[in-house]
Protein backbone atom coordinates (compact mmCIF):
# COMPACT_ATOMS: atom_id res chain seq x y z
CA MET A 1 23.90 14.04 12.19
CA SER A 2 24.92 17.01 10.27
CA PHE A 3 23.92 16.79 6.70
CA VAL A 4 24.05 19.04 3.48
CA GLY A 5 22.50 16.25 1.00
CA ALA A 6 19.39 14.67 0.79
CA ILE A 7 18.64 11.58 -1.39
CA PHE A 8 15.06 10.59 -1.87
CA ASP A 9 13.64 7.53 -3.36
CA LEU A 10 10.72 8.18 -5.52
CA ASP A 11 7.90 5.52 -5.28
CA GLY A 12 6.28 5.13 -1.89
CA VAL A 13 8.53 8.28 -0.77
CA LEU A 14 7.63 11.15 -2.95
CA VAL A 15 4.70 9.76 -4.96
CA ASP A 16 2.20 7.10 -4.19
CA THR A 17 3.09 5.10 -7.40
CA VAL A 18 2.95 1.72 -5.55
CA PRO A 19 -0.66 1.16 -6.38
CA LEU A 20 0.18 1.79 -10.31
CA HIS A 21 3.36 -0.33 -9.84
CA PHE A 22 1.64 -3.38 -8.31
CA GLU A 23 -1.30 -3.13 -10.98
CA ALA A 24 1.25 -2.97 -13.91
CA TRP A 25 3.31 -5.90 -12.44
CA GLN A 26 0.36 -7.88 -11.85
CA ARG A 27 -1.31 -7.23 -15.20
CA MET A 28 2.13 -8.28 -16.63
CA PHE A 29 2.70 -11.39 -14.76
CA ASP A 30 -0.83 -12.34 -15.39
CA HIS A 31 -0.25 -11.97 -19.33
CA TYR A 32 2.77 -14.55 -19.03
CA GLY A 33 0.77 -16.78 -16.61
CA TYR A 34 2.54 -16.18 -13.25
CA ALA A 35 0.72 -15.65 -9.96
CA PHE A 36 1.72 -12.50 -8.05
CA ASP A 37 0.57 -10.88 -4.89
CA HIS A 38 1.24 -7.88 -2.65
CA ARG A 39 3.62 -10.07 -0.52
CA ALA A 40 5.60 -10.93 -3.76
CA TYR A 41 5.89 -7.40 -4.63
CA LYS A 42 7.16 -6.40 -1.45
CA GLU A 43 9.77 -9.24 -1.09
CA LYS A 44 10.88 -9.70 -4.56
CA VAL A 45 9.95 -6.59 -6.60
CA ASP A 46 9.69 -3.40 -5.04
CA GLY A 47 12.47 -1.03 -5.43
CA ARG A 48 14.39 -3.21 -7.99
CA LYS A 49 15.32 -2.69 -11.72
CA ARG A 50 12.55 -4.03 -13.88
CA GLU A 51 14.38 -6.82 -15.32
CA ASP A 52 15.50 -8.09 -12.14
CA GLY A 53 11.69 -7.92 -10.72
CA ALA A 54 10.53 -9.87 -13.65
CA ARG A 55 13.22 -12.24 -13.27
CA ALA A 56 12.49 -13.04 -9.68
CA ILE A 57 9.14 -14.04 -10.45
CA MET A 58 9.26 -15.69 -13.87
CA THR A 59 12.35 -18.03 -12.72
CA ASP A 60 11.92 -20.26 -15.66
CA ALA A 61 11.69 -17.76 -18.50
CA SER A 62 14.44 -17.08 -21.14
CA ALA A 63 16.34 -13.79 -20.93
CA GLU A 64 14.32 -12.80 -24.16
CA THR A 65 11.23 -13.28 -22.37
CA ILE A 66 12.25 -11.49 -19.25
CA ALA A 67 13.05 -8.42 -21.50
CA GLU A 68 9.90 -8.45 -23.23
CA ALA A 69 8.06 -8.63 -19.88
CA ALA A 70 9.96 -5.78 -18.50
CA VAL A 71 9.07 -3.73 -21.66
CA LEU A 72 5.26 -4.59 -21.20
CA LYS A 73 5.48 -3.72 -17.51
CA GLN A 74 6.67 -0.21 -18.38
CA THR A 75 4.08 0.24 -21.19
CA ILE A 76 1.31 -0.31 -18.75
CA TYR A 77 2.75 1.90 -16.06
CA LEU A 78 3.22 4.68 -18.19
CA ASP A 79 -0.38 4.24 -19.54
CA LEU A 80 -1.53 4.44 -15.92
CA ILE A 81 0.22 7.55 -15.08
CA GLU A 82 -1.32 8.96 -18.59
CA GLN A 83 -4.54 8.32 -17.03
CA GLY A 84 -3.97 10.77 -14.36
CA ARG A 85 -3.64 8.27 -11.65
CA LEU A 86 -0.48 9.64 -9.93
CA THR A 87 -0.52 11.07 -6.58
CA ALA A 88 2.54 12.87 -4.65
CA PHE A 89 2.62 12.88 -0.88
CA PRO A 90 2.32 16.82 0.24
CA SER A 91 4.34 16.44 3.24
CA SER A 92 7.39 14.76 1.25
CA ILE A 93 7.06 17.56 -1.30
CA ASP A 94 7.14 19.95 1.32
CA LEU A 95 10.23 18.40 2.96
CA VAL A 96 11.76 18.38 -0.32
CA ARG A 97 11.22 22.16 -0.84
CA ASP A 98 12.23 23.30 2.76
CA LEU A 99 15.63 21.35 2.58
CA ALA A 100 16.31 22.89 -0.92
CA ALA A 101 15.29 26.30 0.03
CA ARG A 102 17.84 25.89 3.30
CA GLY A 103 20.54 24.97 0.76
CA VAL A 104 20.51 21.24 1.21
CA LYS A 105 21.44 19.51 -2.21
CA VAL A 106 18.56 17.29 -2.94
CA ALA A 107 18.84 14.28 -5.08
CA VAL A 108 16.06 11.71 -6.24
CA ALA A 109 17.29 8.19 -7.05
CA SER A 110 15.05 5.35 -8.00
CA SER A 111 15.47 2.17 -9.65
CA SER A 112 12.79 3.24 -11.93
CA ARG A 113 13.75 4.83 -15.25
CA ASN A 114 10.59 7.27 -15.29
CA VAL A 115 12.17 9.51 -12.71
CA ARG A 116 12.34 12.68 -14.77
CA VAL A 117 8.64 12.06 -16.13
CA ILE A 118 7.30 11.85 -12.74
CA LEU A 119 9.10 14.86 -11.35
CA ASP A 120 7.94 16.78 -14.15
CA LYS A 121 4.36 15.80 -13.64
CA ILE A 122 4.40 16.89 -10.02
CA GLY A 123 6.34 20.13 -10.55
CA LEU A 124 9.54 19.03 -8.54
CA MET A 125 12.28 19.27 -10.98
CA ASP A 126 13.49 22.99 -9.87
CA ALA A 127 14.15 21.84 -6.36
CA VAL A 128 16.21 18.89 -7.38
CA SER A 129 19.98 19.12 -7.92
CA ALA A 130 20.67 15.55 -9.21
CA VAL A 131 18.47 12.63 -10.57
CA VAL A 132 19.76 9.02 -10.69
CA ASN A 133 17.56 6.26 -12.31
CA GLY A 134 17.71 2.67 -13.08
CA GLY A 135 19.07 3.40 -16.50
CA ASP A 136 22.50 4.83 -14.97
CA LEU A 137 23.19 1.61 -12.91
CA THR A 138 24.71 -1.72 -13.34
CA HIS A 139 23.54 -2.83 -10.07
CA GLY A 140 19.84 -2.92 -8.63
CA LYS A 141 18.94 -2.60 -4.94
CA PRO A 142 19.84 -3.75 -2.63
CA HIS A 143 23.50 -2.87 -3.81
CA PRO A 144 24.41 0.61 -2.80
CA GLU A 145 25.43 1.68 -6.38
CA ILE A 146 22.29 3.94 -6.70
CA PHE A 147 22.75 6.02 -3.46
CA LEU A 148 26.72 6.15 -3.93
CA THR A 149 25.98 7.48 -7.49
CA ALA A 150 23.59 9.95 -6.16
CA ALA A 151 26.23 11.24 -3.53
CA GLU A 152 28.66 11.32 -6.12
CA GLU A 153 26.51 13.53 -8.37
CA LEU A 154 25.88 16.07 -5.58
CA GLY A 155 29.69 16.08 -4.93
CA LEU A 156 29.12 14.88 -1.22
CA GLY A 157 30.39 11.97 0.69
CA THR A 158 28.02 9.29 2.10
CA ALA A 159 28.52 10.81 5.66
CA GLN A 160 26.98 14.17 4.47
CA CYS A 161 23.86 12.73 3.12
CA VAL A 162 20.61 11.41 4.43
CA VAL A 163 18.55 8.87 2.57
CA PHE A 164 14.75 8.63 2.49
CA GLU A 165 13.43 5.01 1.70
CA ASP A 166 10.15 2.73 2.17
CA ALA A 167 11.33 -0.51 0.69
CA LYS A 168 13.34 -3.13 2.30
CA ALA A 169 15.88 -3.44 -0.58
CA GLY A 170 16.26 0.40 -0.83
CA ILE A 171 17.26 0.42 3.05
CA GLU A 172 19.61 -2.24 2.71
CA ALA A 173 21.09 -0.48 0.04
CA ALA A 174 21.33 2.81 1.96
CA LYS A 175 22.94 1.07 4.78
CA ALA A 176 25.33 -0.85 2.54
CA GLY A 177 26.63 2.23 1.33
CA GLY A 178 27.05 3.86 4.82
CA PHE A 179 24.42 6.25 4.78
CA PHE A 180 22.10 7.57 7.53
CA CYS A 181 18.57 6.19 6.36
CA VAL A 182 15.16 7.49 7.40
CA GLY A 183 12.63 4.72 6.66
CA ILE A 184 8.77 5.74 5.87
CA ASP A 185 6.51 3.22 7.36
CA ARG A 186 3.23 3.42 5.07
CA GLY A 187 1.79 0.72 7.48
CA GLU A 188 2.03 -2.36 5.17
CA HIS A 189 5.10 -4.28 6.17
CA PRO A 190 6.89 -2.38 9.20
CA GLN A 191 9.32 -5.15 9.69
CA ASP A 192 10.86 -4.34 6.38
CA LEU A 193 12.17 -0.83 7.93
CA ALA A 194 13.84 -2.60 10.79
CA GLY A 195 17.34 -1.65 9.20
CA ALA A 196 16.62 2.11 9.07
CA ASP A 197 18.28 4.69 11.54
CA LEU A 198 15.04 6.33 11.99
CA VAL A 199 11.39 5.34 11.21
CA VAL A 200 8.46 7.71 10.69
CA LYS A 201 4.89 7.20 9.64
CA ASP A 202 5.07 10.31 7.41
CA LEU A 203 7.62 12.91 6.26
CA ALA A 204 5.55 15.49 8.34
CA GLU A 205 6.81 14.18 11.39
CA ILE A 206 10.52 15.41 10.57
CA ASN A 207 12.31 18.59 9.77
CA PHE A 208 15.68 20.08 9.11
CA ALA A 209 15.96 20.58 12.92
CA ALA A 210 15.26 17.15 13.76
CA LEU A 211 17.42 15.47 11.34
CA ASN A 212 20.29 17.43 12.33
CA SER A 213 19.77 16.38 15.87
CA ALA A 214 19.09 12.68 15.02
């Protein structure tokens, strides 16, 4: 493909926030008395807006309780970040900077509302042309709105962009929007990446030339 835009998911793609998210979700659900494990995280919560994730597990809870639960999850998560437990993937950061240096427009699109906070923490805001977060959206993944919005913010069409994702809902969203999608297999549930056009273990495996020849 020939592309001039790159849209990166945040959690699990640029930064290793999955352990922090899982811990925050688990502590929140435990507070409300709901069982939660890694399988439930991958199948029902990962990549979705906070309210949608809470609702997927707390199926009998009121709208008010769901809203409170989402706020609690966010509070716990931000506290974990402030404890200095945030880790970026060096190869992913290198790819973002290389693409930006080559004139590729880069967007970071995440269901999280913490995108700018985290990009500031890892010093990557200067390489990013557009940011889309959960607060900008009406629909959560697997609806394609998030990536369509990112492409629009970049001033590009879907055929001009490649999406980088690690979650099933994100890959489904990218493909529903008509994007070429690279799936990053962190080794947990590779079957969730089956819908991606290209699957890699780490973004160190690909570069600008490889993507243009895919």
